[in-house]
PDB file of N, CA and C in Angstrom:
ATOM      1  N   MET A   1       1.026  -1.174   0.019  1.00  0.00           N
ATOM      2  CA  MET A   1      -0.023  -0.004  -0.057  1.00  0.00           C
ATOM      3  C   MET A   1       0.863   1.445  -0.264  1.00  0.00           C
ATOM      4  N   LYS A   2       1.855   0.927   0.895  1.00  0.00           N
ATOM      5  CA  LYS A   2       2.533   2.241   1.008  1.00  0.00           C
ATOM      6  C   LYS A   2       3.609   2.490  -0.506  1.00  0.00           C
ATOM      7  N   SER A   3       3.755   1.534  -1.261  1.00  0.00           N
ATOM      8  CA  SER A   3       4.514   1.659  -2.347  1.00  0.00           C
ATOM      9  C   SER A   3       3.423   2.045  -3.375  1.00  0.00           C
ATOM     10  N   LYS A   4       2.465   1.953  -3.508  1.00  0.00           N
ATOM     11  CA  LYS A   4       1.326   2.268  -4.296  1.00  0.00           C
ATOM     12  C   LYS A   4       1.012   3.711  -4.019  1.00  0.00           C
ATOM     13  N   ALA A   5       1.199   4.134  -2.443  1.00  0.00           N
ATOM     14  CA  ALA A   5       0.606   5.577  -2.371  1.00  0.00           C
ATOM     15  C   ALA A   5       1.589   6.551  -2.800  1.00  0.00           C
ATOM     16  N   ARG A   6       3.469   5.906  -2.702  1.00  0.00           N
ATOM     17  CA  ARG A   6       4.212   6.672  -3.000  1.00  0.00           C
ATOM     18  C   ARG A   6       3.972   6.925  -4.663  1.00  0.00           C
ATOM     19  N   ALA A   7       3.753   5.649  -5.309  1.00  0.00           N
ATOM     20  CA  ALA A   7       3.890   6.004  -6.993  1.00  0.00           C
ATOM     21  C   ALA A   7       2.978   6.537  -7.504  1.00  0.00           C
ATOM     22  N   ASP A   8       1.599   6.808  -6.877  1.00  0.00           N
ATOM     23  CA  ASP A   8       0.585   7.842  -6.811  1.00  0.00           C
ATOM     24  C   ASP A   8       1.206   9.328  -6.895  1.00  0.00           C
ATOM     25  N   ARG A   9       1.999   9.429  -5.573  1.00  0.00           N
ATOM     26  CA  ARG A   9       2.432  10.519  -5.237  1.00  0.00           C
ATOM     27  C   ARG A   9       3.182  11.008  -6.184  1.00  0.00           C
ATOM     28  N   TRP A  10       4.147  10.037  -6.535  1.00  0.00           N
ATOM     29  CA  TRP A  10       5.169  10.475  -8.036  1.00  0.00           C
ATOM     30  C   TRP A  10       4.489  10.999  -8.993  1.00  0.00           C
ATOM     31  N   ASN A  11       3.497  10.176  -9.463  1.00  0.00           N
ATOM     32  CA  ASN A  11       2.821  10.903 -10.919  1.00  0.00           C
ATOM     33  C   ASN A  11       2.348  11.838 -10.816  1.00  0.00           C
ATOM     34  N   GLU A  12       1.719  11.933  -9.569  1.00  0.00           N
ATOM     35  CA  GLU A  12       1.082  13.400  -9.447  1.00  0.00           C
ATOM     36  C   GLU A  12       2.066  14.580  -9.506  1.00  0.00           C
ATOM     37  N   GLU A  13       3.345  13.877  -9.150  1.00  0.00           N
ATOM     38  CA  GLU A  13       4.531  15.325  -9.158  1.00  0.00           C
ATOM     39  C   GLU A  13       4.631  15.363 -10.736  1.00  0.00           C
ATOM     40  N   VAL A  14       5.118  14.237 -11.437  1.00  0.00           N
ATOM     41  CA  VAL A  14       5.221  14.349 -12.636  1.00  0.00           C
ATOM     42  C   VAL A  14       4.165  15.212 -13.362  1.00  0.00           C
ATOM     43  N   GLN A  15       2.764  14.810 -13.488  1.00  0.00           N
ATOM     44  CA  GLN A  15       2.031  15.727 -13.921  1.00  0.00           C
ATOM     45  C   GLN A  15       1.789  17.478 -13.495  1.00  0.00           C
ATOM     46  N   LEU A  16       2.109  17.521 -12.093  1.00  0.00           N
ATOM     47  CA  LEU A  16       2.577  18.876 -11.611  1.00  0.00           C
ATOM     48  C   LEU A  16       3.669  19.838 -12.598  1.00  0.00           C
ATOM     49  N   VAL A  17       4.719  18.996 -12.510  1.00  0.00           N
ATOM     50  CA  VAL A  17       5.873  19.636 -13.410  1.00  0.00           C
ATOM     51  C   VAL A  17       5.534  19.767 -14.806  1.00  0.00           C
ATOM     52  N   LYS A  18       5.033  19.006 -15.527  1.00  0.00           N
ATOM     53  CA  LYS A  18       4.526  18.922 -16.749  1.00  0.00           C
ATOM     54  C   LYS A  18       3.512  20.554 -16.949  1.00  0.00           C
ATOM     55  N   GLU A  19       2.571  20.526 -16.064  1.00  0.00           N
ATOM     56  CA  GLU A  19       1.561  21.618 -16.115  1.00  0.00           C
ATOM     57  C   GLU A  19       2.664  22.752 -15.975  1.00  0.00           C
ATOM     58  N   GLU A  20       3.482  23.029 -15.217  1.00  0.00           N
ATOM     59  CA  GLU A  20       4.589  24.245 -14.961  1.00  0.00           C
ATOM     60  C   GLU A  20       5.420  24.510 -15.885  1.00  0.00           C
ATOM     61  N   MET A  21       5.572  23.067 -16.724  1.00  0.00           N
ATOM     62  CA  MET A  21       6.436  23.479 -17.706  1.00  0.00           C
ATOM     63  C   MET A  21       5.341  24.039 -18.739  1.00  0.00           C
ATOM     64  N   ARG A  22       4.305  23.718 -19.094  1.00  0.00           N
ATOM     65  CA  ARG A  22       3.419  24.437 -20.451  1.00  0.00           C
ATOM     66  C   ARG A  22       2.991  25.682 -19.817  1.00  0.00           C
ATOM     67  N   ARG A  23       3.153  26.064 -18.398  1.00  0.00           N
ATOM     68  CA  ARG A  23       2.533  27.503 -18.307  1.00  0.00           C
ATOM     69  C   ARG A  23       3.706  28.291 -18.493  1.00  0.00           C
ATOM     70  N   VAL A  24       5.029  27.902 -18.295  1.00  0.00           N
ATOM     71  CA  VAL A  24       6.042  28.756 -18.315  1.00  0.00           C
ATOM     72  C   VAL A  24       6.537  28.965 -19.634  1.00  0.00           C
ATOM     73  N   LEU A  25       5.832  28.148 -20.990  1.00  0.00           N
ATOM     74  CA  LEU A  25       6.451  28.175 -22.141  1.00  0.00           C
ATOM     75  C   LEU A  25       4.998  29.308 -22.752  1.00  0.00           C
ATOM     76  N   ALA A  26       3.941  28.876 -22.097  1.00  0.00           N
ATOM     77  CA  ALA A  26       3.071  29.856 -22.657  1.00  0.00           C
ATOM     78  C   ALA A  26       3.131  31.425 -21.877  1.00  0.00           C
ATOM     79  N   PHE A  27       3.899  31.480 -20.765  1.00  0.00           N
ATOM     80  CA  PHE A  27       4.112  32.806 -20.154  1.00  0.00           C
ATOM     81  C   PHE A  27       5.106  33.495 -21.054  1.00  0.00           C
ATOM     82  N   LEU A  28       6.046  32.845 -21.779  1.00  0.00           N
ATOM     83  CA  LEU A  28       7.170  33.159 -22.422  1.00  0.00           C
ATOM     84  C   LEU A  28       6.745  33.855 -23.356  1.00  0.00           C
ATOM     85  N   GLU A  29       5.672  33.080 -24.255  1.00  0.00           N
ATOM     86  CA  GLU A  29       4.959  33.380 -25.923  1.00  0.00           C
ATOM     87  C   GLU A  29       4.144  34.858 -25.216  1.00  0.00           C
ATOM     88  N   TRP A  30       3.841  34.677 -24.224  1.00  0.00           N
ATOM     89  CA  TRP A  30       2.970  35.981 -24.041  1.00  0.00           C
ATOM     90  C   TRP A  30       3.416  37.233 -23.561  1.00  0.00           C
ATOM     91  N   LYS A  31       4.660  37.170 -23.128  1.00  0.00           N
ATOM     92  CA  LYS A  31       5.689  38.060 -22.835  1.00  0.00           C
ATOM     93  C   LYS A  31       6.362  38.559 -24.350  1.00  0.00           C
ATOM     94  N   ALA A  32       6.668  37.604 -24.932  1.00  0.00           N
ATOM     95  CA  ALA A  32       7.417  38.346 -26.263  1.00  0.00           C
ATOM     96  C   ALA A  32       6.035  39.095 -26.959  1.00  0.00           C
ATOM     97  N   VAL A  33       4.843  38.640 -26.778  1.00  0.00           N
ATOM     98  CA  VAL A  33       3.798  39.124 -27.896  1.00  0.00           C
ATOM     99  C   VAL A  33       3.573  40.492 -27.119  1.00  0.00           C
ATOM    100  N   TRP A  34       4.044  40.616 -25.766  1.00  0.00           N
ATOM    101  CA  TRP A  34       3.513  41.836 -25.151  1.00  0.00           C
ATOM    102  C   TRP A  34       4.701  43.004 -25.482  1.00  0.00           C
ATOM    103  N   TRP A  35       5.976  42.401 -25.477  1.00  0.00           N
ATOM    104  CA  TRP A  35       7.133  43.490 -26.152  1.00  0.00           C
ATOM    105  C   TRP A  35       6.902  43.520 -27.490  1.00  0.00           C
ATOM    106  N   THR A  36       6.478  42.545 -28.193  1.00  0.00           N
ATOM    107  CA  THR A  36       6.519  43.309 -29.788  1.00  0.00           C
ATOM    108  C   THR A  36       5.262  44.242 -29.603  1.00  0.00           C
ATOM    109  N   LYS A  37       4.199  43.860 -28.792  1.00  0.00           N
ATOM    110  CA  LYS A  37       3.028  45.231 -29.080  1.00  0.00           C
ATOM    111  C   LYS A  37       3.668  46.731 -28.144  1.00  0.00           C
ATOM    112  N   GLU A  38       4.431  46.870 -27.474  1.00  0.00           N
ATOM    113  CA  GLU A  38       4.888  47.639 -26.433  1.00  0.00           C
ATOM    114  C   GLU A  38       5.726  48.273 -27.485  1.00  0.00           C
ATOM    115  N   GLY A  39       6.411  47.552 -28.145  1.00  0.00           N
ATOM    116  CA  GLY A  39       7.639  48.112 -29.174  1.00  0.00           C
ATOM    117  C   GLY A  39       7.156  48.941 -30.523  1.00  0.00           C
ATOM    118  N   SER A  40       5.867  48.399 -30.655  1.00  0.00           N
ATOM    119  CA  SER A  40       4.811  48.986 -32.068  1.00  0.00           C
ATOM    120  C   SER A  40       4.077  49.996 -31.448  1.00  0.00           C
ATOM    121  N   ARG A  41       3.942  50.723 -30.198  1.00  0.00           N
ATOM    122  CA  ARG A  41       3.041  51.539 -29.976  1.00  0.00           C
ATOM    123  C   ARG A  41       3.603  52.807 -30.388  1.00  0.00           C
ATOM    124  N   SER A  42       2.777  53.772 -30.609  1.00  0.00           N
ATOM    125  CA  SER A  42       3.209  55.439 -30.874  1.00  0.00           C
ATOM    126  C   SER A  42       3.296  56.099 -29.976  1.00  0.00           C
ATOM    127  N   LEU A  43       4.728  56.611 -29.880  1.00  0.00           N
ATOM    128  CA  LEU A  43       5.011  57.485 -28.711  1.00  0.00           C
ATOM    129  C   LEU A  43       5.339  58.922 -29.197  1.00  0.00           C
ATOM    130  N   ASP A  44       5.095  59.893 -28.163  1.00  0.00           N
ATOM    131  CA  ASP A  44       5.208  61.232 -28.440  1.00  0.00           C
ATOM    132  C   ASP A  44       6.797  61.374 -28.131  1.00  0.00           C
ATOM    133  N   VAL A  45       8.009  61.215 -28.734  1.00  0.00           N
ATOM    134  CA  VAL A  45       9.091  61.325 -28.093  1.00  0.00           C
ATOM    135  C   VAL A  45      10.049  61.596 -29.266  1.00  0.00           C
ATOM    136  N   ARG A  46      11.087  61.710 -29.219  1.00  0.00           N
ATOM    137  CA  ARG A  46      11.640  62.204 -30.627  1.00  0.00           C
ATOM    138  C   ARG A  46      12.226  60.530 -31.122  1.00  0.00           C
ATOM    139  N   PRO A  47      12.331  60.773 -32.526  1.00  0.00           N
ATOM    140  CA  PRO A  47      12.638  59.583 -33.032  1.00  0.00           C
ATOM    141  C   PRO A  47      13.594  58.894 -32.777  1.00  0.00           C
ATOM    142  N   ASP A  48      14.828  59.378 -32.485  1.00  0.00           N
ATOM    143  CA  ASP A  48      15.970  58.519 -31.968  1.00  0.00           C
ATOM    144  C   ASP A  48      15.479  57.727 -30.667  1.00  0.00           C
ATOM    145  N   ILE A  49      14.720  58.205 -29.869  1.00  0.00           N
ATOM    146  CA  ILE A  49      14.098  57.351 -28.519  1.00  0.00           C
ATOM    147  C   ILE A  49      13.444  56.178 -29.044  1.00  0.00           C
ATOM    148  N   VAL A  50      12.437  56.755 -29.743  1.00  0.00           N
ATOM    149  CA  VAL A  50      11.361  55.729 -30.507  1.00  0.00           C
ATOM    150  C   VAL A  50      12.416  54.441 -30.934  1.00  0.00           C
ATOM    151  N   ASP A  51      13.415  54.732 -31.633  1.00  0.00           N
ATOM    152  CA  ASP A  51      14.106  53.448 -32.256  1.00  0.00           C
ATOM    153  C   ASP A  51      14.962  52.873 -31.250  1.00  0.00           C
ATOM    154  N   GLY A  52      15.155  53.381 -30.170  1.00  0.00           N
ATOM    155  CA  GLY A  52      15.926  52.421 -29.136  1.00  0.00           C
ATOM    156  C   GLY A  52      15.095  51.722 -28.210  1.00  0.00           C
ATOM    157  N   ILE A  53      13.493  52.693 -28.340  1.00  0.00           N
ATOM    158  CA  ILE A  53      12.711  51.684 -27.714  1.00  0.00           C
ATOM    159  C   ILE A  53      12.400  50.519 -28.480  1.00  0.00           C
ATOM    160  N   ARG A  54      11.824  50.698 -29.563  1.00  0.00           N
ATOM    161  CA  ARG A  54      11.697  49.507 -30.534  1.00  0.00           C
ATOM    162  C   ARG A  54      12.768  48.499 -30.509  1.00  0.00           C
ATOM    163  N   ALA A  55      13.789  48.912 -30.461  1.00  0.00           N
ATOM    164  CA  ALA A  55      14.969  48.080 -30.672  1.00  0.00           C
ATOM    165  C   ALA A  55      15.405  47.075 -29.101  1.00  0.00           C
ATOM    166  N   TYR A  56      14.837  47.848 -27.888  1.00  0.00           N
ATOM    167  CA  TYR A  56      15.107  47.343 -26.838  1.00  0.00           C
ATOM    168  C   TYR A  56      13.569  46.285 -26.675  1.00  0.00           C
ATOM    169  N   ALA A  57      12.431  46.512 -27.055  1.00  0.00           N
ATOM    170  CA  ALA A  57      11.628  45.521 -27.398  1.00  0.00           C
ATOM    171  C   ALA A  57      11.529  44.534 -28.062  1.00  0.00           C
ATOM    172  N   ALA A  58      11.976  44.712 -29.350  1.00  0.00           N
ATOM    173  CA  ALA A  58      12.209  43.785 -30.013  1.00  0.00           C
ATOM    174  C   ALA A  58      13.503  42.503 -29.490  1.00  0.00           C
ATOM    175  N   LYS A  59      14.484  43.212 -28.600  1.00  0.00           N
ATOM    176  CA  LYS A  59      15.328  42.460 -28.207  1.00  0.00           C
ATOM    177  C   LYS A  59      14.587  41.471 -26.989  1.00  0.00           C
ATOM    178  N   GLN A  60      13.719  42.460 -26.203  1.00  0.00           N
ATOM    179  CA  GLN A  60      13.124  41.438 -25.124  1.00  0.00           C
ATOM    180  C   GLN A  60      12.325  40.244 -25.620  1.00  0.00           C
ATOM    181  N   ALA A  61      11.773  40.632 -26.715  1.00  0.00           N
ATOM    182  CA  ALA A  61      10.867  39.682 -27.408  1.00  0.00           C
ATOM    183  C   ALA A  61      11.622  38.392 -27.996  1.00  0.00           C
ATOM    184  N   TYR A  62      12.843  39.027 -28.601  1.00  0.00           N
ATOM    185  CA  TYR A  62      13.940  37.736 -28.937  1.00  0.00           C
ATOM    186  C   TYR A  62      13.942  36.914 -27.650  1.00  0.00           C
ATOM    187  N   ILE A  63      14.340  37.328 -26.783  1.00  0.00           N
ATOM    188  CA  ILE A  63      15.061  36.715 -25.274  1.00  0.00           C
ATOM    189  C   ILE A  63      13.937  35.729 -24.802  1.00  0.00           C
ATOM    190  N   SER A  64      12.881  36.270 -24.855  1.00  0.00           N
ATOM    191  CA  SER A  64      11.062  35.567 -24.263  1.00  0.00           C
ATOM    192  C   SER A  64      11.078  34.512 -25.331  1.00  0.00           C
ATOM    193  N   ARG A  65      11.297  34.275 -26.673  1.00  0.00           N
ATOM    194  CA  ARG A  65      11.111  33.326 -27.391  1.00  0.00           C
ATOM    195  C   ARG A  65      12.240  32.476 -27.745  1.00  0.00           C
ATOM    196  N   ALA A  66      13.770  33.050 -27.365  1.00  0.00           N
ATOM    197  CA  ALA A  66      14.759  32.174 -27.398  1.00  0.00           C
ATOM    198  C   ALA A  66      14.662  31.251 -26.202  1.00  0.00           C
ATOM    199  N   LEU A  67      14.044  31.939 -25.057  1.00  0.00           N
ATOM    200  CA  LEU A  67      14.178  31.161 -23.434  1.00  0.00           C
ATOM    201  C   LEU A  67      13.071  29.901 -23.749  1.00  0.00           C
ATOM    202  N   ALA A  68      11.775  30.220 -24.374  1.00  0.00           N
ATOM    203  CA  ALA A  68      10.886  29.357 -24.379  1.00  0.00           C
ATOM    204  C   ALA A  68      11.400  28.217 -25.340  1.00  0.00           C
ATOM    205  N   TYR A  69      12.141  28.623 -26.393  1.00  0.00           N
ATOM    206  CA  TYR A  69      12.710  27.476 -27.549  1.00  0.00           C
ATOM    207  C   TYR A  69      13.678  26.474 -27.017  1.00  0.00           C
ATOM    208  N   SER A  70      14.613  27.410 -25.973  1.00  0.00           N
ATOM    209  CA  SER A  70      15.369  26.551 -25.391  1.00  0.00           C
ATOM    210  C   SER A  70      14.911  25.581 -24.177  1.00  0.00           C
ATOM    211  N   PHE A  71      13.951  26.094 -23.541  1.00  0.00           N
ATOM    212  CA  PHE A  71      13.297  24.889 -22.821  1.00  0.00           C
ATOM    213  C   PHE A  71      12.748  23.925 -23.210  1.00  0.00           C
ATOM    214  N   LYS A  72      11.908  24.180 -24.165  1.00  0.00           N
ATOM    215  CA  LYS A  72      11.117  23.398 -24.604  1.00  0.00           C
ATOM    216  C   LYS A  72      12.130  22.168 -25.513  1.00  0.00           C
ATOM    217  N   MET A  73      13.062  22.447 -26.016  1.00  0.00           N
ATOM    218  CA  MET A  73      14.094  21.943 -26.692  1.00  0.00           C
ATOM    219  C   MET A  73      14.640  20.705 -25.377  1.00  0.00           C
ATOM    220  N   ARG A  74      15.138  21.338 -24.075  1.00  0.00           N
ATOM    221  CA  ARG A  74      15.452  20.549 -23.458  1.00  0.00           C
ATOM    222  C   ARG A  74      14.704  19.421 -22.501  1.00  0.00           C
ATOM    223  N   TRP A  75      12.819  20.015 -22.497  1.00  0.00           N
ATOM    224  CA  TRP A  75      12.363  19.381 -21.961  1.00  0.00           C
ATOM    225  C   TRP A  75      11.927  18.283 -22.926  1.00  0.00           C
ATOM    226  N   GLU A  76      11.754  18.604 -24.215  1.00  0.00           N
ATOM    227  CA  GLU A  76      11.668  17.167 -25.134  1.00  0.00           C
ATOM    228  C   GLU A  76      12.569  16.447 -24.802  1.00  0.00           C
ATOM    229  N   SER A  77      13.790  16.934 -24.865  1.00  0.00           N
ATOM    230  CA  SER A  77      14.827  15.411 -24.909  1.00  0.00           C
ATOM    231  C   SER A  77      14.625  15.015 -23.239  1.00  0.00           C
ATOM    232  N   ALA A  78      14.250  15.353 -22.575  1.00  0.00           N
ATOM    233  CA  ALA A  78      14.347  15.175 -21.089  1.00  0.00           C
ATOM    234  C   ALA A  78      12.919  14.043 -21.186  1.00  0.00           C
ATOM    235  N   PHE A  79      11.934  14.174 -21.610  1.00  0.00           N
ATOM    236  CA  PHE A  79      10.807  13.426 -21.915  1.00  0.00           C
ATOM    237  C   PHE A  79      11.222  12.022 -22.752  1.00  0.00           C
ATOM    238  N   GLU A  80      11.708  12.533 -23.879  1.00  0.00           N
ATOM    239  CA  GLU A  80      12.300  11.368 -24.774  1.00  0.00           C
ATOM    240  C   GLU A  80      13.070  10.086 -23.942  1.00  0.00           C
ATOM    241  N   THR A  81      14.107  10.733 -22.915  1.00  0.00           N
ATOM    242  CA  THR A  81      15.179   9.747 -22.400  1.00  0.00           C
ATOM    243  C   THR A  81      14.355   9.282 -20.982  1.00  0.00           C
ATOM    244  N   GLN A  82      13.273   9.935 -20.681  1.00  0.00           N
ATOM    245  CA  GLN A  82      12.595   9.209 -19.673  1.00  0.00           C
ATOM    246  C   GLN A  82      12.083   8.180 -18.953  1.00  0.00           C
ATOM    247  N   GLY A  83      11.657   7.724 -20.474  1.00  0.00           N
ATOM    248  CA  GLY A  83      11.402   6.056 -20.548  1.00  0.00           C
ATOM    249  C   GLY A  83      12.352   5.248 -20.342  1.00  0.00           C
ATOM    250  N   GLN A  84      13.692   5.302 -20.772  1.00  0.00           N
ATOM    251  CA  GLN A  84      14.767   5.119 -21.145  1.00  0.00           C
ATOM    252  C   GLN A  84      15.421   5.013 -19.462  1.00  0.00           C
ATOM    253  N   ASP A  85      15.376   5.780 -18.947  1.00  0.00           N
ATOM    254  CA  ASP A  85      16.192   6.038 -17.446  1.00  0.00           C
ATOM    255  C   ASP A  85      15.529   5.444 -16.563  1.00  0.00           C
ATOM    256  N   TYR A  86      13.845   5.299 -17.020  1.00  0.00           N
ATOM    257  CA  TYR A  86      13.161   4.595 -15.939  1.00  0.00           C
ATOM    258  C   TYR A  86      13.357   3.047 -15.820  1.00  0.00           C
ATOM    259  N   GLU A  87      13.548   2.552 -17.269  1.00  0.00           N
ATOM    260  CA  GLU A  87      13.918   1.024 -17.445  1.00  0.00           C
ATOM    261  C   GLU A  87      15.229   0.628 -16.858  1.00  0.00           C
ATOM    262  N   GLN A  88      16.125   1.275 -17.235  1.00  0.00           N
ATOM    263  CA  GLN A  88      17.721   1.269 -16.881  1.00  0.00           C
ATOM    264  C   GLN A  88      17.573   0.972 -15.211  1.00  0.00           C
ATOM    265  N   GLY A  89      17.215   2.421 -14.676  1.00  0.00           N
ATOM    266  CA  GLY A  89      17.019   2.149 -13.218  1.00  0.00           C
ATOM    267  C   GLY A  89      15.912   1.283 -12.335  1.00  0.00           C
ATOM    268  N   HIS A  90      15.194   0.908 -12.997  1.00  0.00           N
ATOM    269  CA  HIS A  90      14.196  -0.244 -12.750  1.00  0.00           C
ATOM    270  C   HIS A  90      15.224  -1.466 -12.720  1.00  0.00           C
ATOM    271  N   ARG A  91      15.892  -2.145 -13.650  1.00  0.00           N
ATOM    272  CA  ARG A  91      16.795  -2.936 -13.844  1.00  0.00           C
ATOM    273  C   ARG A  91      17.642  -3.116 -12.420  1.00  0.00           C
ATOM    274  N   GLN A  92      18.370  -1.752 -12.613  1.00  0.00           N
ATOM    275  CA  GLN A  92      19.601  -1.663 -11.753  1.00  0.00           C
ATOM    276  C   GLN A  92      18.761  -1.997 -10.020  1.00  0.00           C
ATOM    277  N   ASP A  93      17.561  -1.267 -10.109  1.00  0.00           N
ATOM    278  CA  ASP A  93      16.795  -1.726  -8.624  1.00  0.00           C
ATOM    279  C   ASP A  93      16.816  -2.736  -8.213  1.00  0.00           C
ATOM    280  N   GLU A  94      16.242  -3.490  -8.932  1.00  0.00           N
ATOM    281  CA  GLU A  94      16.255  -5.280  -9.188  1.00  0.00           C
ATOM    282  C   GLU A  94      17.510  -5.816  -8.959  1.00  0.00           C
ATOM    283  N   ASP A  95      18.328  -5.492  -9.506  1.00  0.00           N
ATOM    284  CA  ASP A  95      19.775  -6.205  -9.243  1.00  0.00           C
ATOM    285  C   ASP A  95      20.311  -5.790  -7.405  1.00  0.00           C
ATOM    286  N   ASP A  96      20.129  -4.449  -7.419  1.00  0.00           N
ATOM    287  CA  ASP A  96      20.426  -3.923  -6.274  1.00  0.00           C
ATOM    288  C   ASP A  96      19.562  -4.688  -4.665  1.00  0.00           C
ATOM    289  N   LEU A  97      18.638  -4.791  -5.203  1.00  0.00           N
ATOM    290  CA  LEU A  97      17.935  -5.756  -3.974  1.00  0.00           C
ATOM    291  C   LEU A  97      18.175  -7.238  -3.826  1.00  0.00           C
ATOM    292  N   THR A  98      18.592  -8.013  -4.893  1.00  0.00           N
ATOM    293  CA  THR A  98      19.195  -9.315  -4.908  1.00  0.00           C
ATOM    294  C   THR A  98      20.501  -9.483  -4.772  1.00  0.00           C
ATOM    295  N   ASP A  99      21.617  -8.389  -4.526  1.00  0.00           N
ATOM    296  CA  ASP A  99      22.797  -8.685  -4.397  1.00  0.00           C
ATOM    297  C   ASP A  99      23.436  -8.461  -3.020  1.00  0.00           C
ATOM    298  N   GLY A 100      24.078  -9.711  -2.851  1.00  0.00           N
ATOM    299  CA  GLY A 100      24.283  -9.838  -1.313  1.00  0.00           C
ATOM    300  C   GLY A 100      23.650 -10.359  -0.255  1.00  0.00           C
ATOM    301  N   CYS A 101      22.116 -10.719  -1.116  1.00  0.00           N
ATOM    302  CA  CYS A 101      21.190 -11.080  -0.091  1.00  0.00           C
ATOM    303  C   CYS A 101      21.517 -12.598   0.463  1.00  0.00           C
ATOM    304  N   GLU A 102      21.606 -13.011   1.522  1.00  0.00           N
ATOM    305  CA  GLU A 102      21.892 -14.309   1.596  1.00  0.00           C
ATOM    306  C   GLU A 102      21.007 -15.696   1.133  1.00  0.00           C
ATOM    307  N   TYR A 103      19.287 -15.271   1.096  1.00  0.00           N
ATOM    308  CA  TYR A 103      18.565 -15.546   0.980  1.00  0.00           C
ATOM    309  C   TYR A 103      18.270 -15.929  -0.620  1.00  0.00           C
ATOM    310  N   THR A 104      19.369 -15.126  -1.845  1.00  0.00           N
ATOM    311  CA  THR A 104      19.135 -15.257  -2.830  1.00  0.00           C
ATOM    312  C   THR A 104      19.692 -16.348  -3.632  1.00  0.00           C
ATOM    313  N   THR A 105      19.124 -16.995  -4.512  1.00  0.00           N
ATOM    314  CA  THR A 105      19.317 -17.986  -4.968  1.00  0.00           C
ATOM    315  C   THR A 105      20.333 -17.992  -6.300  1.00  0.00           C
ATOM    316  N   ASP A 106      20.639 -19.148  -7.066  1.00  0.00           N
ATOM    317  CA  ASP A 106      20.759 -18.772  -8.304  1.00  0.00           C
ATOM    318  C   ASP A 106      19.692 -18.795  -9.342  1.00  0.00           C
ATOM    319  N   ALA A 107      18.595 -19.168  -8.658  1.00  0.00           N
ATOM    320  CA  ALA A 107      17.193 -18.946  -9.848  1.00  0.00           C
ATOM    321  C   ALA A 107      16.956 -17.722  -9.629  1.00  0.00           C
ATOM    322  N   ASP A 108      17.256 -16.974  -8.549  1.00  0.00           N
ATOM    323  CA  ASP A 108      16.682 -15.755  -8.477  1.00  0.00           C
ATOM    324  C   ASP A 108      17.376 -14.656  -9.523  1.00  0.00           C
ATOM    325  N   LYS A 109      18.634 -15.332  -9.229  1.00  0.00           N
ATOM    326  CA  LYS A 109      19.876 -14.062 -10.043  1.00  0.00           C
ATOM    327  C   LYS A 109      19.858 -14.360 -11.798  1.00  0.00           C
ATOM    328  N   ASN A 110      19.209 -15.625 -12.021  1.00  0.00           N
ATOM    329  CA  ASN A 110      19.143 -15.913 -13.388  1.00  0.00           C
ATOM    330  C   ASN A 110      17.495 -15.660 -14.065  1.00  0.00           C
ATOM    331  N   GLY A 111      16.599 -15.053 -13.060  1.00  0.00           N
ATOM    332  CA  GLY A 111      15.254 -14.640 -13.315  1.00  0.00           C
ATOM    333  C   GLY A 111      14.454 -15.962 -13.302  1.00  0.00           C
ATOM    334  N   GLY A 112      14.773 -16.902 -12.692  1.00  0.00           N
ATOM    335  CA  GLY A 112      14.073 -18.286 -12.850  1.00  0.00           C
ATOM    336  C   GLY A 112      14.541 -19.216 -13.886  1.00  0.00           C
ATOM    337  N   ALA A 113      15.519 -18.899 -14.621  1.00  0.00           N
ATOM    338  CA  ALA A 113      15.967 -19.999 -15.813  1.00  0.00           C
ATOM    339  C   ALA A 113      15.638 -21.354 -15.088  1.00  0.00           C
ATOM    340  N   GLU A 114      16.863 -21.509 -14.223  1.00  0.00           N
ATOM    341  CA  GLU A 114      17.126 -22.523 -13.247  1.00  0.00           C
ATOM    342  C   GLU A 114      15.270 -23.605 -12.999  1.00  0.00           C
ATOM    343  N   LEU A 115      14.672 -22.874 -12.346  1.00  0.00           N
ATOM    344  CA  LEU A 115      13.413 -23.408 -12.012  1.00  0.00           C
ATOM    345  C   LEU A 115      12.559 -23.773 -13.292  1.00  0.00           C
ATOM    346  N   ASP A 116      12.707 -23.116 -14.278  1.00  0.00           N
ATOM    347  CA  ASP A 116      12.118 -24.140 -15.459  1.00  0.00           C
ATOM    348  C   ASP A 116      12.598 -24.958 -15.924  1.00  0.00           C
ATOM    349  N   ALA A 117      13.701 -25.067 -15.958  1.00  0.00           N
ATOM    350  CA  ALA A 117      14.776 -26.053 -16.626  1.00  0.00           C
ATOM    351  C   ALA A 117      14.286 -27.637 -16.046  1.00  0.00           C
ATOM    352  N   ASP A 118      14.134 -27.058 -14.469  1.00  0.00           N
ATOM    353  CA  ASP A 118      13.577 -28.629 -13.045  1.00  0.00           C
ATOM    354  C   ASP A 118      12.600 -29.075 -13.546  1.00  0.00           C
ATOM    355  N   GLU A 119      11.967 -27.955 -14.231  1.00  0.00           N
ATOM    356  CA  GLU A 119      10.132 -28.683 -14.123  1.00  0.00           C
ATOM    357  C   GLU A 119      10.137 -29.264 -15.380  1.00  0.00           C
ATOM    358  N   ASP A 120      11.283 -29.299 -16.273  1.00  0.00           N
ATOM    359  CA  ASP A 120      11.224 -30.064 -18.069  1.00  0.00           C
ATOM    360  C   ASP A 120      11.081 -31.476 -17.477  1.00  0.00           C
TER     361      ASP A 120
END
């Protein structure tokens, strides 16, 4: 029961992290659009200042989009390797549970192959 509860909590944490990641990407895209709109506003200042404001807004929009792209690429690669890491870790956990155990038999170490051979 404790293991199931821990697994359920872990799955809930994974879902929360995925939602947080989605929200970060949505926020960064919203911020980029906001900077773009701010840069295109008409201002009652000298033309050289308007150029500077537009350049700054364009740079901030670019930074937001670049961050979003960078995060998305990193997170997608993490999800691709997540299944592989789980399988490798699960096999390692099984090995760790049986290594050095005084009750471990050769059949346990060989995945039950010797028991199957004895039944034939």
